[in-house]
């Protein structure tokens, strides 16, 4: 179940991330979608620590990225509260790019998700 929820919420995070990147910044819609996105990203990051069966029960380098996402999301919230909009933007966009790149890599041949879906 963890892999399934991790995947579904990651896909939702991509959608909410795109919506927020394209929306007007600073308004209530941006803030609400932003909090939804942060919540999704936090779930995806934390849930990765329960996904070890893909690496013989061990953690892998991807778990270091999960730690970084948790730190950088926290920093992005800190920066916007301190009115440091540029730093907030850098961290949020960086997280979105990381999410997108991670998603692309999970769909490569030989990886778990494409095999599970029977794509390759």
PDB file of N, CA and C in Angstrom:
ATOM      1  N   UNK A   1       0.820  -1.209   0.000  1.00  0.00           N
ATOM      2  CA  UNK A   1       0.000   0.000   0.000  1.00  0.00           C
ATOM      3  C   UNK A   1       0.855   1.261   0.000  1.00  0.00           C
ATOM      4  N   UNK A   2       2.004   1.203   0.662  1.00  0.00           N
ATOM      5  CA  UNK A   2       2.838   2.401   0.740  1.00  0.00           C
ATOM      6  C   UNK A   2       3.299   2.861  -0.638  1.00  0.00           C
ATOM      7  N   UNK A   3       3.719   1.916  -1.472  1.00  0.00           N
ATOM      8  CA  UNK A   3       4.178   2.307  -2.808  1.00  0.00           C
ATOM      9  C   UNK A   3       3.023   2.919  -3.601  1.00  0.00           C
ATOM     10  N   UNK A   4       1.854   2.338  -3.483  1.00  0.00           N
ATOM     11  CA  UNK A   4       0.686   2.842  -4.215  1.00  0.00           C
ATOM     12  C   UNK A   4       0.327   4.257  -3.766  1.00  0.00           C
ATOM     13  N   UNK A   5       0.224   4.477  -2.461  1.00  0.00           N
ATOM     14  CA  UNK A   5      -0.122   5.816  -1.976  1.00  0.00           C
ATOM     15  C   UNK A   5       0.989   6.812  -2.304  1.00  0.00           C
ATOM     16  N   UNK A   6       2.237   6.364  -2.213  1.00  0.00           N
ATOM     17  CA  UNK A   6       3.381   7.212  -2.560  1.00  0.00           C
ATOM     18  C   UNK A   6       3.267   7.666  -4.014  1.00  0.00           C
ATOM     19  N   UNK A   7       2.960   6.738  -4.893  1.00  0.00           N
ATOM     20  CA  UNK A   7       2.835   7.042  -6.322  1.00  0.00           C
ATOM     21  C   UNK A   7       1.657   7.970  -6.601  1.00  0.00           C
ATOM     22  N   UNK A   8       0.500   7.658  -6.032  1.00  0.00           N
ATOM     23  CA  UNK A   8      -0.699   8.468  -6.285  1.00  0.00           C
ATOM     24  C   UNK A   8      -0.503   9.892  -5.784  1.00  0.00           C
ATOM     25  N   UNK A   9       0.029  10.038  -4.573  1.00  0.00           N
ATOM     26  CA  UNK A   9       0.212  11.385  -4.039  1.00  0.00           C
ATOM     27  C   UNK A   9       1.322  12.140  -4.765  1.00  0.00           C
ATOM     28  N   UNK A  10       2.328  11.435  -5.276  1.00  0.00           N
ATOM     29  CA  UNK A  10       3.362  12.094  -6.076  1.00  0.00           C
ATOM     30  C   UNK A  10       2.771  12.630  -7.382  1.00  0.00           C
ATOM     31  N   UNK A  11       1.894  11.843  -8.006  1.00  0.00           N
ATOM     32  CA  UNK A  11       1.235  12.294  -9.237  1.00  0.00           C
ATOM     33  C   UNK A  11       0.354  13.508  -8.947  1.00  0.00           C
ATOM     34  N   UNK A  12      -0.378  13.455  -7.841  1.00  0.00           N
ATOM     35  CA  UNK A  12      -1.186  14.620  -7.449  1.00  0.00           C
ATOM     36  C   UNK A  12      -0.297  15.841  -7.200  1.00  0.00           C
ATOM     37  N   UNK A  13       0.870  15.616  -6.593  1.00  0.00           N
ATOM     38  CA  UNK A  13       1.796  16.726  -6.332  1.00  0.00           C
ATOM     39  C   UNK A  13       2.259  17.372  -7.636  1.00  0.00           C
ATOM     40  N   UNK A  14       2.477  16.580  -8.660  1.00  0.00           N
ATOM     41  CA  UNK A  14       2.860  17.150  -9.959  1.00  0.00           C
ATOM     42  C   UNK A  14       1.753  18.067 -10.460  1.00  0.00           C
ATOM     43  N   UNK A  15       0.510  17.593 -10.395  1.00  0.00           N
ATOM     44  CA  UNK A  15      -0.617  18.402 -10.866  1.00  0.00           C
ATOM     45  C   UNK A  15      -0.789  19.688 -10.078  1.00  0.00           C
ATOM     46  N   UNK A  16      -0.769  19.592  -8.754  1.00  0.00           N
ATOM     47  CA  UNK A  16      -0.899  20.791  -7.932  1.00  0.00           C
ATOM     48  C   UNK A  16       0.300  21.719  -8.111  1.00  0.00           C
ATOM     49  N   UNK A  17       1.481  21.140  -8.310  1.00  0.00           N
ATOM     50  CA  UNK A  17       2.675  21.952  -8.533  1.00  0.00           C
ATOM     51  C   UNK A  17       2.586  22.756  -9.819  1.00  0.00           C
ATOM     52  N   UNK A  18       2.136  22.103 -10.888  1.00  0.00           N
ATOM     53  CA  UNK A  18       1.970  22.811 -12.165  1.00  0.00           C
ATOM     54  C   UNK A  18       0.954  23.938 -12.004  1.00  0.00           C
ATOM     55  N   UNK A  19      -0.161  23.629 -11.372  1.00  0.00           N
ATOM     56  CA  UNK A  19      -1.207  24.641 -11.149  1.00  0.00           C
ATOM     57  C   UNK A  19      -0.638  25.841 -10.405  1.00  0.00           C
ATOM     58  N   UNK A  20       0.129  25.584  -9.357  1.00  0.00           N
ATOM     59  CA  UNK A  20       0.641  26.696  -8.570  1.00  0.00           C
ATOM     60  C   UNK A  20       1.735  27.480  -9.297  1.00  0.00           C
ATOM     61  N   UNK A  21       2.549  26.779 -10.061  1.00  0.00           N
ATOM     62  CA  UNK A  21       3.585  27.486 -10.820  1.00  0.00           C
ATOM     63  C   UNK A  21       2.978  28.414 -11.867  1.00  0.00           C
ATOM     64  N   UNK A  22       1.818  28.033 -12.390  1.00  0.00           N
ATOM     65  CA  UNK A  22       1.175  28.833 -13.431  1.00  0.00           C
ATOM     66  C   UNK A  22       0.207  29.879 -12.880  1.00  0.00           C
ATOM     67  N   UNK A  23      -0.109  29.805 -11.591  1.00  0.00           N
ATOM     68  CA  UNK A  23      -1.099  30.718 -11.016  1.00  0.00           C
ATOM     69  C   UNK A  23      -0.470  32.034 -10.576  1.00  0.00           C
ATOM     70  N   UNK A  24      -1.336  33.001 -10.326  1.00  0.00           N
ATOM     71  CA  UNK A  24      -0.895  34.292  -9.789  1.00  0.00           C
ATOM     72  C   UNK A  24      -0.334  34.060  -8.393  1.00  0.00           C
ATOM     73  N   UNK A  25       0.810  34.655  -8.128  1.00  0.00           N
ATOM     74  CA  UNK A  25       1.496  34.431  -6.861  1.00  0.00           C
ATOM     75  C   UNK A  25       0.988  35.368  -5.763  1.00  0.00           C
ATOM     76  N   UNK A  26       0.966  34.822  -4.546  1.00  0.00           N
ATOM     77  CA  UNK A  26       0.670  35.631  -3.371  1.00  0.00           C
ATOM     78  C   UNK A  26      -0.787  35.667  -2.947  1.00  0.00           C
ATOM     79  N   UNK A  27      -1.694  35.267  -3.820  1.00  0.00           N
ATOM     80  CA  UNK A  27      -3.116  35.306  -3.480  1.00  0.00           C
ATOM     81  C   UNK A  27      -3.534  34.107  -2.646  1.00  0.00           C
ATOM     82  N   UNK A  28      -4.780  34.109  -2.226  1.00  0.00           N
ATOM     83  CA  UNK A  28      -5.264  33.021  -1.370  1.00  0.00           C
ATOM     84  C   UNK A  28      -5.267  31.685  -2.103  1.00  0.00           C
ATOM     85  N   UNK A  29      -5.573  31.672  -3.403  1.00  0.00           N
ATOM     86  CA  UNK A  29      -5.548  30.427  -4.163  1.00  0.00           C
ATOM     87  C   UNK A  29      -4.140  29.850  -4.201  1.00  0.00           C
ATOM     88  N   UNK A  30      -3.158  30.698  -4.439  1.00  0.00           N
ATOM     89  CA  UNK A  30      -1.764  30.265  -4.465  1.00  0.00           C
ATOM     90  C   UNK A  30      -1.364  29.669  -3.117  1.00  0.00           C
ATOM     91  N   UNK A  31      -1.784  30.302  -2.049  1.00  0.00           N
ATOM     92  CA  UNK A  31      -1.421  29.819  -0.710  1.00  0.00           C
ATOM     93  C   UNK A  31      -2.094  28.493  -0.388  1.00  0.00           C
ATOM     94  N   UNK A  32      -3.365  28.362  -0.726  1.00  0.00           N
ATOM     95  CA  UNK A  32      -4.089  27.111  -0.446  1.00  0.00           C
ATOM     96  C   UNK A  32      -3.494  25.958  -1.253  1.00  0.00           C
ATOM     97  N   UNK A  33      -3.299  26.189  -2.541  1.00  0.00           N
ATOM     98  CA  UNK A  33      -2.710  25.146  -3.388  1.00  0.00           C
ATOM     99  C   UNK A  33      -1.287  24.844  -2.922  1.00  0.00           C
ATOM    100  N   UNK A  34      -0.569  25.879  -2.519  1.00  0.00           N
ATOM    101  CA  UNK A  34       0.791  25.690  -2.017  1.00  0.00           C
ATOM    102  C   UNK A  34       0.826  24.797  -0.788  1.00  0.00           C
ATOM    103  N   UNK A  35      -0.096  25.006   0.142  1.00  0.00           N
ATOM    104  CA  UNK A  35      -0.138  24.164   1.345  1.00  0.00           C
ATOM    105  C   UNK A  35      -0.538  22.739   0.999  1.00  0.00           C
ATOM    106  N   UNK A  36      -1.440  22.578   0.042  1.00  0.00           N
ATOM    107  CA  UNK A  36      -1.793  21.225  -0.402  1.00  0.00           C
ATOM    108  C   UNK A  36      -0.558  20.558  -1.000  1.00  0.00           C
ATOM    109  N   UNK A  37       0.168  21.302  -1.836  1.00  0.00           N
ATOM    110  CA  UNK A  37       1.362  20.759  -2.479  1.00  0.00           C
ATOM    111  C   UNK A  37       2.423  20.383  -1.449  1.00  0.00           C
ATOM    112  N   UNK A  38       2.654  21.258  -0.484  1.00  0.00           N
ATOM    113  CA  UNK A  38       3.642  20.962   0.561  1.00  0.00           C
ATOM    114  C   UNK A  38       3.220  19.710   1.330  1.00  0.00           C
ATOM    115  N   UNK A  39       1.945  19.591   1.648  1.00  0.00           N
ATOM    116  CA  UNK A  39       1.451  18.405   2.367  1.00  0.00           C
ATOM    117  C   UNK A  39       1.670  17.133   1.550  1.00  0.00           C
ATOM    118  N   UNK A  40       1.364  17.208   0.266  1.00  0.00           N
ATOM    119  CA  UNK A  40       1.586  16.054  -0.607  1.00  0.00           C
ATOM    120  C   UNK A  40       3.072  15.691  -0.664  1.00  0.00           C
ATOM    121  N   UNK A  41       3.904  16.690  -0.826  1.00  0.00           N
ATOM    122  CA  UNK A  41       5.346  16.455  -0.910  1.00  0.00           C
ATOM    123  C   UNK A  41       5.899  15.898   0.397  1.00  0.00           C
ATOM    124  N   UNK A  42       5.406  16.380   1.517  1.00  0.00           N
ATOM    125  CA  UNK A  42       5.859  15.847   2.803  1.00  0.00           C
ATOM    126  C   UNK A  42       5.461  14.385   2.936  1.00  0.00           C
ATOM    127  N   UNK A  43       4.226  14.057   2.540  1.00  0.00           N
ATOM    128  CA  UNK A  43       3.801  12.661   2.591  1.00  0.00           C
ATOM    129  C   UNK A  43       4.699  11.803   1.700  1.00  0.00           C
ATOM    130  N   UNK A  44       4.927  12.250   0.479  1.00  0.00           N
ATOM    131  CA  UNK A  44       5.741  11.485  -0.461  1.00  0.00           C
ATOM    132  C   UNK A  44       7.155  11.299   0.101  1.00  0.00           C
ATOM    133  N   UNK A  45       7.705  12.341   0.698  1.00  0.00           N
ATOM    134  CA  UNK A  45       9.053  12.243   1.258  1.00  0.00           C
ATOM    135  C   UNK A  45       9.099  11.286   2.440  1.00  0.00           C
ATOM    136  N   UNK A  46       8.192  11.471   3.396  1.00  0.00           N
ATOM    137  CA  UNK A  46       8.204  10.615   4.580  1.00  0.00           C
ATOM    138  C   UNK A  46       7.841   9.171   4.236  1.00  0.00           C
ATOM    139  N   UNK A  47       6.902   8.976   3.323  1.00  0.00           N
ATOM    140  CA  UNK A  47       6.498   7.607   2.980  1.00  0.00           C
ATOM    141  C   UNK A  47       7.632   6.832   2.324  1.00  0.00           C
ATOM    142  N   UNK A  48       8.579   7.532   1.718  1.00  0.00           N
ATOM    143  CA  UNK A  48       9.693   6.831   1.071  1.00  0.00           C
ATOM    144  C   UNK A  48      10.520   6.027   2.068  1.00  0.00           C
ATOM    145  N   UNK A  49      10.510   6.425   3.337  1.00  0.00           N
ATOM    146  CA  UNK A  49      11.299   5.706   4.338  1.00  0.00           C
ATOM    147  C   UNK A  49      10.711   4.334   4.666  1.00  0.00           C
ATOM    148  N   UNK A  50       9.480   4.087   4.233  1.00  0.00           N
ATOM    149  CA  UNK A  50       8.857   2.775   4.425  1.00  0.00           C
ATOM    150  C   UNK A  50       8.921   1.943   3.148  1.00  0.00           C
ATOM    151  N   UNK A  51       9.529   2.514   2.113  1.00  0.00           N
ATOM    152  CA  UNK A  51       9.682   1.781   0.853  1.00  0.00           C
ATOM    153  C   UNK A  51      11.136   1.335   0.758  1.00  0.00           C
ATOM    154  N   UNK A  52      11.391   0.131   1.212  1.00  0.00           N
ATOM    155  CA  UNK A  52      12.752  -0.411   1.184  1.00  0.00           C
ATOM    156  C   UNK A  52      12.819  -1.729   0.436  1.00  0.00           C
ATOM    157  N   UNK A  53      11.658  -2.305   0.126  1.00  0.00           N
ATOM    158  CA  UNK A  53      11.670  -3.616  -0.516  1.00  0.00           C
ATOM    159  C   UNK A  53      12.247  -3.584  -1.925  1.00  0.00           C
ATOM    160  N   UNK A  54      12.358  -2.401  -2.507  1.00  0.00           N
ATOM    161  CA  UNK A  54      12.921  -2.290  -3.851  1.00  0.00           C
ATOM    162  C   UNK A  54      14.444  -2.335  -3.827  1.00  0.00           C
ATOM    163  N   UNK A  55      15.028  -2.283  -2.616  1.00  0.00           N
ATOM    164  CA  UNK A  55      16.478  -2.275  -2.468  1.00  0.00           C
ATOM    165  C   UNK A  55      16.888  -3.330  -1.434  1.00  0.00           C
ATOM    166  N   UNK A  56      16.308  -4.495  -1.552  1.00  0.00           N
ATOM    167  CA  UNK A  56      16.614  -5.616  -0.646  1.00  0.00           C
ATOM    168  C   UNK A  56      16.464  -5.256   0.827  1.00  0.00           C
ATOM    169  N   UNK A  57      15.465  -4.433   1.142  1.00  0.00           N
ATOM    170  CA  UNK A  57      15.194  -4.075   2.535  1.00  0.00           C
ATOM    171  C   UNK A  57      16.093  -2.987   3.096  1.00  0.00           C
ATOM    172  N   UNK A  58      16.879  -2.378   2.241  1.00  0.00           N
ATOM    173  CA  UNK A  58      17.818  -1.345   2.687  1.00  0.00           C
ATOM    174  C   UNK A  58      17.405   0.026   2.148  1.00  0.00           C
ATOM    175  N   UNK A  59      17.930   1.059   2.781  1.00  0.00           N
ATOM    176  CA  UNK A  59      17.735   2.403   2.248  1.00  0.00           C
ATOM    177  C   UNK A  59      18.677   2.587   1.060  1.00  0.00           C
ATOM    178  N   UNK A  60      18.313   3.501   0.169  1.00  0.00           N
ATOM    179  CA  UNK A  60      19.159   3.795  -0.990  1.00  0.00           C
ATOM    180  C   UNK A  60      19.454   5.293  -1.024  1.00  0.00           C
ATOM    181  N   UNK A  61      20.210   5.707  -2.021  1.00  0.00           N
ATOM    182  CA  UNK A  61      20.569   7.116  -2.149  1.00  0.00           C
ATOM    183  C   UNK A  61      19.335   7.994  -2.313  1.00  0.00           C
ATOM    184  N   UNK A  62      18.249   7.439  -2.826  1.00  0.00           N
ATOM    185  CA  UNK A  62      17.033   8.235  -3.034  1.00  0.00           C
ATOM    186  C   UNK A  62      16.477   8.728  -1.700  1.00  0.00           C
ATOM    187  N   UNK A  63      16.742   7.984  -0.630  1.00  0.00           N
ATOM    188  CA  UNK A  63      16.267   8.407   0.684  1.00  0.00           C
ATOM    189  C   UNK A  63      16.985   9.677   1.152  1.00  0.00           C
ATOM    190  N   UNK A  64      18.203   9.890   0.690  1.00  0.00           N
ATOM    191  CA  UNK A  64      18.895  11.154   0.986  1.00  0.00           C
ATOM    192  C   UNK A  64      18.154  12.319   0.335  1.00  0.00           C
ATOM    193  N   UNK A  65      17.620  12.079  -0.851  1.00  0.00           N
ATOM    194  CA  UNK A  65      16.837  13.123  -1.514  1.00  0.00           C
ATOM    195  C   UNK A  65      15.560  13.420  -0.730  1.00  0.00           C
ATOM    196  N   UNK A  66      14.966  12.399  -0.143  1.00  0.00           N
ATOM    197  CA  UNK A  66      13.772  12.615   0.683  1.00  0.00           C
ATOM    198  C   UNK A  66      14.093  13.508   1.872  1.00  0.00           C
ATOM    199  N   UNK A  67      15.239  13.270   2.488  1.00  0.00           N
ATOM    200  CA  UNK A  67      15.663  14.119   3.603  1.00  0.00           C
ATOM    201  C   UNK A  67      15.837  15.554   3.118  1.00  0.00           C
ATOM    202  N   UNK A  68      16.463  15.718   1.959  1.00  0.00           N
ATOM    203  CA  UNK A  68      16.664  17.059   1.410  1.00  0.00           C
ATOM    204  C   UNK A  68      15.332  17.746   1.109  1.00  0.00           C
ATOM    205  N   UNK A  69      14.367  17.019   0.575  1.00  0.00           N
ATOM    206  CA  UNK A  69      13.059  17.605   0.271  1.00  0.00           C
ATOM    207  C   UNK A  69      12.402  18.120   1.558  1.00  0.00           C
ATOM    208  N   UNK A  70      12.450  17.342   2.607  1.00  0.00           N
ATOM    209  CA  UNK A  70      11.865  17.755   3.891  1.00  0.00           C
ATOM    210  C   UNK A  70      12.533  19.027   4.382  1.00  0.00           C
ATOM    211  N   UNK A  71      13.849  19.084   4.296  1.00  0.00           N
ATOM    212  CA  UNK A  71      14.587  20.278   4.724  1.00  0.00           C
ATOM    213  C   UNK A  71      14.255  21.470   3.842  1.00  0.00           C
ATOM    214  N   UNK A  72      14.268  21.271   2.524  1.00  0.00           N
ATOM    215  CA  UNK A  72      14.068  22.413   1.625  1.00  0.00           C
ATOM    216  C   UNK A  72      12.625  22.918   1.639  1.00  0.00           C
ATOM    217  N   UNK A  73      11.652  22.026   1.847  1.00  0.00           N
ATOM    218  CA  UNK A  73      10.271  22.499   1.999  1.00  0.00           C
ATOM    219  C   UNK A  73      10.140  23.348   3.259  1.00  0.00           C
ATOM    220  N   UNK A  74      10.768  22.894   4.331  1.00  0.00           N
ATOM    221  CA  UNK A  74      10.744  23.647   5.583  1.00  0.00           C
ATOM    222  C   UNK A  74      11.405  25.011   5.402  1.00  0.00           C
ATOM    223  N   UNK A  75      12.528  25.039   4.701  1.00  0.00           N
ATOM    224  CA  UNK A  75      13.214  26.309   4.439  1.00  0.00           C
ATOM    225  C   UNK A  75      12.357  27.230   3.575  1.00  0.00           C
ATOM    226  N   UNK A  76      11.676  26.681   2.586  1.00  0.00           N
ATOM    227  CA  UNK A  76      10.859  27.528   1.714  1.00  0.00           C
ATOM    228  C   UNK A  76       9.725  28.183   2.498  1.00  0.00           C
ATOM    229  N   UNK A  77       9.152  27.474   3.449  1.00  0.00           N
ATOM    230  CA  UNK A  77       8.111  28.059   4.301  1.00  0.00           C
ATOM    231  C   UNK A  77       8.708  29.135   5.198  1.00  0.00           C
ATOM    232  N   UNK A  78       9.867  28.837   5.751  1.00  0.00           N
ATOM    233  CA  UNK A  78      10.564  29.824   6.585  1.00  0.00           C
ATOM    234  C   UNK A  78      10.834  31.100   5.785  1.00  0.00           C
ATOM    235  N   UNK A  79      11.347  30.941   4.564  1.00  0.00           N
ATOM    236  CA  UNK A  79      11.704  32.114   3.759  1.00  0.00           C
ATOM    237  C   UNK A  79      10.493  32.963   3.399  1.00  0.00           C
ATOM    238  N   UNK A  80       9.374  32.339   3.061  1.00  0.00           N
ATOM    239  CA  UNK A  80       8.218  33.157   2.699  1.00  0.00           C
ATOM    240  C   UNK A  80       7.677  33.883   3.920  1.00  0.00           C
ATOM    241  N   UNK A  81       7.763  33.259   5.073  1.00  0.00           N
ATOM    242  CA  UNK A  81       7.316  33.932   6.306  1.00  0.00           C
ATOM    243  C   UNK A  81       8.222  35.099   6.672  1.00  0.00           C
ATOM    244  N   UNK A  82       9.471  35.033   6.238  1.00  0.00           N
ATOM    245  CA  UNK A  82      10.425  36.135   6.455  1.00  0.00           C
ATOM    246  C   UNK A  82      10.418  37.119   5.287  1.00  0.00           C
ATOM    247  N   UNK A  83       9.439  36.950   4.375  1.00  0.00           N
ATOM    248  CA  UNK A  83       9.279  37.827   3.206  1.00  0.00           C
ATOM    249  C   UNK A  83      10.469  37.770   2.246  1.00  0.00           C
ATOM    250  N   UNK A  84      11.177  36.654   2.232  1.00  0.00           N
ATOM    251  CA  UNK A  84      12.281  36.448   1.299  1.00  0.00           C
ATOM    252  C   UNK A  84      11.747  35.626   0.119  1.00  0.00           C
ATOM    253  N   UNK A  85      11.018  36.335  -0.741  1.00  0.00           N
ATOM    254  CA  UNK A  85      10.264  35.703  -1.826  1.00  0.00           C
ATOM    255  C   UNK A  85      11.182  34.969  -2.801  1.00  0.00           C
ATOM    256  N   UNK A  86      12.310  35.554  -3.146  1.00  0.00           N
ATOM    257  CA  UNK A  86      13.205  34.909  -4.109  1.00  0.00           C
ATOM    258  C   UNK A  86      13.709  33.562  -3.582  1.00  0.00           C
ATOM    259  N   UNK A  87      14.124  33.512  -2.317  1.00  0.00           N
ATOM    260  CA  UNK A  87      14.591  32.243  -1.754  1.00  0.00           C
ATOM    261  C   UNK A  87      13.448  31.228  -1.670  1.00  0.00           C
ATOM    262  N   UNK A  88      12.252  31.691  -1.325  1.00  0.00           N
ATOM    263  CA  UNK A  88      11.082  30.824  -1.310  1.00  0.00           C
ATOM    264  C   UNK A  88      10.868  30.226  -2.702  1.00  0.00           C
ATOM    265  N   UNK A  89      10.922  31.071  -3.708  1.00  0.00           N
ATOM    266  CA  UNK A  89      10.712  30.630  -5.086  1.00  0.00           C
ATOM    267  C   UNK A  89      11.775  29.625  -5.515  1.00  0.00           C
ATOM    268  N   UNK A  90      13.021  29.899  -5.199  1.00  0.00           N
ATOM    269  CA  UNK A  90      14.120  29.011  -5.583  1.00  0.00           C
ATOM    270  C   UNK A  90      13.919  27.616  -4.991  1.00  0.00           C
ATOM    271  N   UNK A  91      13.582  27.555  -3.714  1.00  0.00           N
ATOM    272  CA  UNK A  91      13.403  26.257  -3.070  1.00  0.00           C
ATOM    273  C   UNK A  91      12.160  25.534  -3.589  1.00  0.00           C
ATOM    274  N   UNK A  92      11.074  26.260  -3.793  1.00  0.00           N
ATOM    275  CA  UNK A  92       9.852  25.620  -4.283  1.00  0.00           C
ATOM    276  C   UNK A  92      10.018  25.118  -5.713  1.00  0.00           C
ATOM    277  N   UNK A  93      10.573  25.928  -6.574  1.00  0.00           N
ATOM    278  CA  UNK A  93      10.792  25.504  -7.959  1.00  0.00           C
ATOM    279  C   UNK A  93      11.785  24.342  -7.999  1.00  0.00           C
ATOM    280  N   UNK A  94      12.818  24.412  -7.176  1.00  0.00           N
ATOM    281  CA  UNK A  94      13.786  23.314  -7.097  1.00  0.00           C
ATOM    282  C   UNK A  94      13.133  22.008  -6.685  1.00  0.00           C
ATOM    283  N   UNK A  95      12.238  22.079  -5.705  1.00  0.00           N
ATOM    284  CA  UNK A  95      11.513  20.877  -5.286  1.00  0.00           C
ATOM    285  C   UNK A  95      10.637  20.344  -6.410  1.00  0.00           C
ATOM    286  N   UNK A  96       9.989  21.235  -7.136  1.00  0.00           N
ATOM    287  CA  UNK A  96       9.129  20.784  -8.239  1.00  0.00           C
ATOM    288  C   UNK A  96       9.960  20.126  -9.336  1.00  0.00           C
ATOM    289  N   UNK A  97      11.085  20.724  -9.666  1.00  0.00           N
ATOM    290  CA  UNK A  97      11.968  20.133 -10.677  1.00  0.00           C
ATOM    291  C   UNK A  97      12.443  18.757 -10.207  1.00  0.00           C
ATOM    292  N   UNK A  98      12.829  18.657  -8.939  1.00  0.00           N
ATOM    293  CA  UNK A  98      13.258  17.372  -8.384  1.00  0.00           C
ATOM    294  C   UNK A  98      12.163  16.327  -8.455  1.00  0.00           C
ATOM    295  N   UNK A  99      10.939  16.720  -8.127  1.00  0.00           N
ATOM    296  CA  UNK A  99       9.795  15.812  -8.208  1.00  0.00           C
ATOM    297  C   UNK A  99       9.605  15.326  -9.637  1.00  0.00           C
ATOM    298  N   UNK A 100       9.677  16.233 -10.585  1.00  0.00           N
ATOM    299  CA  UNK A 100       9.471  15.896 -11.993  1.00  0.00           C
ATOM    300  C   UNK A 100      10.571  14.960 -12.498  1.00  0.00           C
ATOM    301  N   UNK A 101      11.818  15.274 -12.180  1.00  0.00           N
ATOM    302  CA  UNK A 101      12.944  14.429 -12.613  1.00  0.00           C
ATOM    303  C   UNK A 101      12.840  13.040 -11.979  1.00  0.00           C
ATOM    304  N   UNK A 102      12.514  12.990 -10.686  1.00  0.00           N
ATOM    305  CA  UNK A 102      12.351  11.692 -10.017  1.00  0.00           C
ATOM    306  C   UNK A 102      11.247  10.887 -10.689  1.00  0.00           C
ATOM    307  N   UNK A 103      10.153  11.552 -11.047  1.00  0.00           N
ATOM    308  CA  UNK A 103       9.058  10.871 -11.724  1.00  0.00           C
ATOM    309  C   UNK A 103       9.467  10.314 -13.071  1.00  0.00           C
ATOM    310  N   UNK A 104      10.251  11.075 -13.801  1.00  0.00           N
ATOM    311  CA  UNK A 104      10.734  10.609 -15.107  1.00  0.00           C
ATOM    312  C   UNK A 104      11.619   9.376 -14.933  1.00  0.00           C
ATOM    313  N   UNK A 105      12.520   9.413 -13.947  1.00  0.00           N
ATOM    314  CA  UNK A 105      13.419   8.280 -13.726  1.00  0.00           C
ATOM    315  C   UNK A 105      12.670   7.029 -13.273  1.00  0.00           C
ATOM    316  N   UNK A 106      11.560   7.189 -12.565  1.00  0.00           N
ATOM    317  CA  UNK A 106      10.809   6.005 -12.131  1.00  0.00           C
ATOM    318  C   UNK A 106      10.137   5.300 -13.299  1.00  0.00           C
ATOM    319  N   UNK A 107      10.018   5.987 -14.426  1.00  0.00           N
ATOM    320  CA  UNK A 107       9.341   5.387 -15.579  1.00  0.00           C
ATOM    321  C   UNK A 107      10.307   4.757 -16.582  1.00  0.00           C
ATOM    322  N   UNK A 108      11.590   4.728 -16.256  1.00  0.00           N
ATOM    323  CA  UNK A 108      12.560   4.114 -17.164  1.00  0.00           C
ATOM    324  C   UNK A 108      12.389   2.599 -17.196  1.00  0.00           C
ATOM    325  N   UNK A 109      12.731   1.975 -18.335  1.00  0.00           N
ATOM    326  CA  UNK A 109      12.647   0.505 -18.418  1.00  0.00           C
ATOM    327  C   UNK A 109      13.471  -0.157 -17.309  1.00  0.00           C
ATOM    328  N   UNK A 110      12.922  -1.237 -16.774  1.00  0.00           N
ATOM    329  CA  UNK A 110      13.612  -1.971 -15.723  1.00  0.00           C
ATOM    330  C   UNK A 110      13.279  -1.496 -14.317  1.00  0.00           C
ATOM    331  N   UNK A 111      12.578  -0.372 -14.205  1.00  0.00           N
ATOM    332  CA  UNK A 111      12.193   0.124 -12.890  1.00  0.00           C
ATOM    333  C   UNK A 111      10.892  -0.531 -12.454  1.00  0.00           C
ATOM    334  N   UNK A 112      10.574  -0.420 -11.178  1.00  0.00           N
ATOM    335  CA  UNK A 112       9.441  -1.120 -10.568  1.00  0.00           C
ATOM    336  C   UNK A 112       8.093  -0.719 -11.171  1.00  0.00           C
ATOM    337  N   UNK A 113       7.827   0.572 -11.292  1.00  0.00           N
ATOM    338  CA  UNK A 113       6.495   1.017 -11.714  1.00  0.00           C
ATOM    339  C   UNK A 113       6.168   0.600 -13.148  1.00  0.00           C
ATOM    340  N   UNK A 114       7.048   0.808 -14.121  1.00  0.00           N
ATOM    341  CA  UNK A 114       6.704   0.346 -15.473  1.00  0.00           C
ATOM    342  C   UNK A 114       6.501  -1.173 -15.547  1.00  0.00           C
ATOM    343  N   UNK A 115       7.308  -1.911 -14.778  1.00  0.00           N
ATOM    344  CA  UNK A 115       7.126  -3.362 -14.773  1.00  0.00           C
ATOM    345  C   UNK A 115       5.803  -3.745 -14.135  1.00  0.00           C
ATOM    346  N   UNK A 116       5.454  -3.069 -13.039  1.00  0.00           N
ATOM    347  CA  UNK A 116       4.197  -3.336 -12.357  1.00  0.00           C
ATOM    348  C   UNK A 116       3.003  -3.046 -13.283  1.00  0.00           C
ATOM    349  N   UNK A 117       3.131  -1.991 -14.084  1.00  0.00           N
ATOM    350  CA  UNK A 117       2.051  -1.607 -14.995  1.00  0.00           C
ATOM    351  C   UNK A 117       2.097  -2.367 -16.317  1.00  0.00           C
ATOM    352  N   UNK A 118       3.138  -3.196 -16.506  1.00  0.00           N
ATOM    353  CA  UNK A 118       3.271  -3.975 -17.734  1.00  0.00           C
ATOM    354  C   UNK A 118       3.618  -3.131 -18.940  1.00  0.00           C
ATOM    355  N   UNK A 119       4.331  -2.032 -18.734  1.00  0.00           N
ATOM    356  CA  UNK A 119       4.657  -1.139 -19.850  1.00  0.00           C
ATOM    357  C   UNK A 119       5.867  -1.611 -20.660  1.00  0.00           C
ATOM    358  N   UNK A 120       6.788  -2.327 -20.026  1.00  0.00           N
ATOM    359  CA  UNK A 120       7.993  -2.766 -20.739  1.00  0.00           C
ATOM    360  C   UNK A 120       8.147  -4.259 -20.607  1.00  0.00           C
TER     361      UNK A 120
END
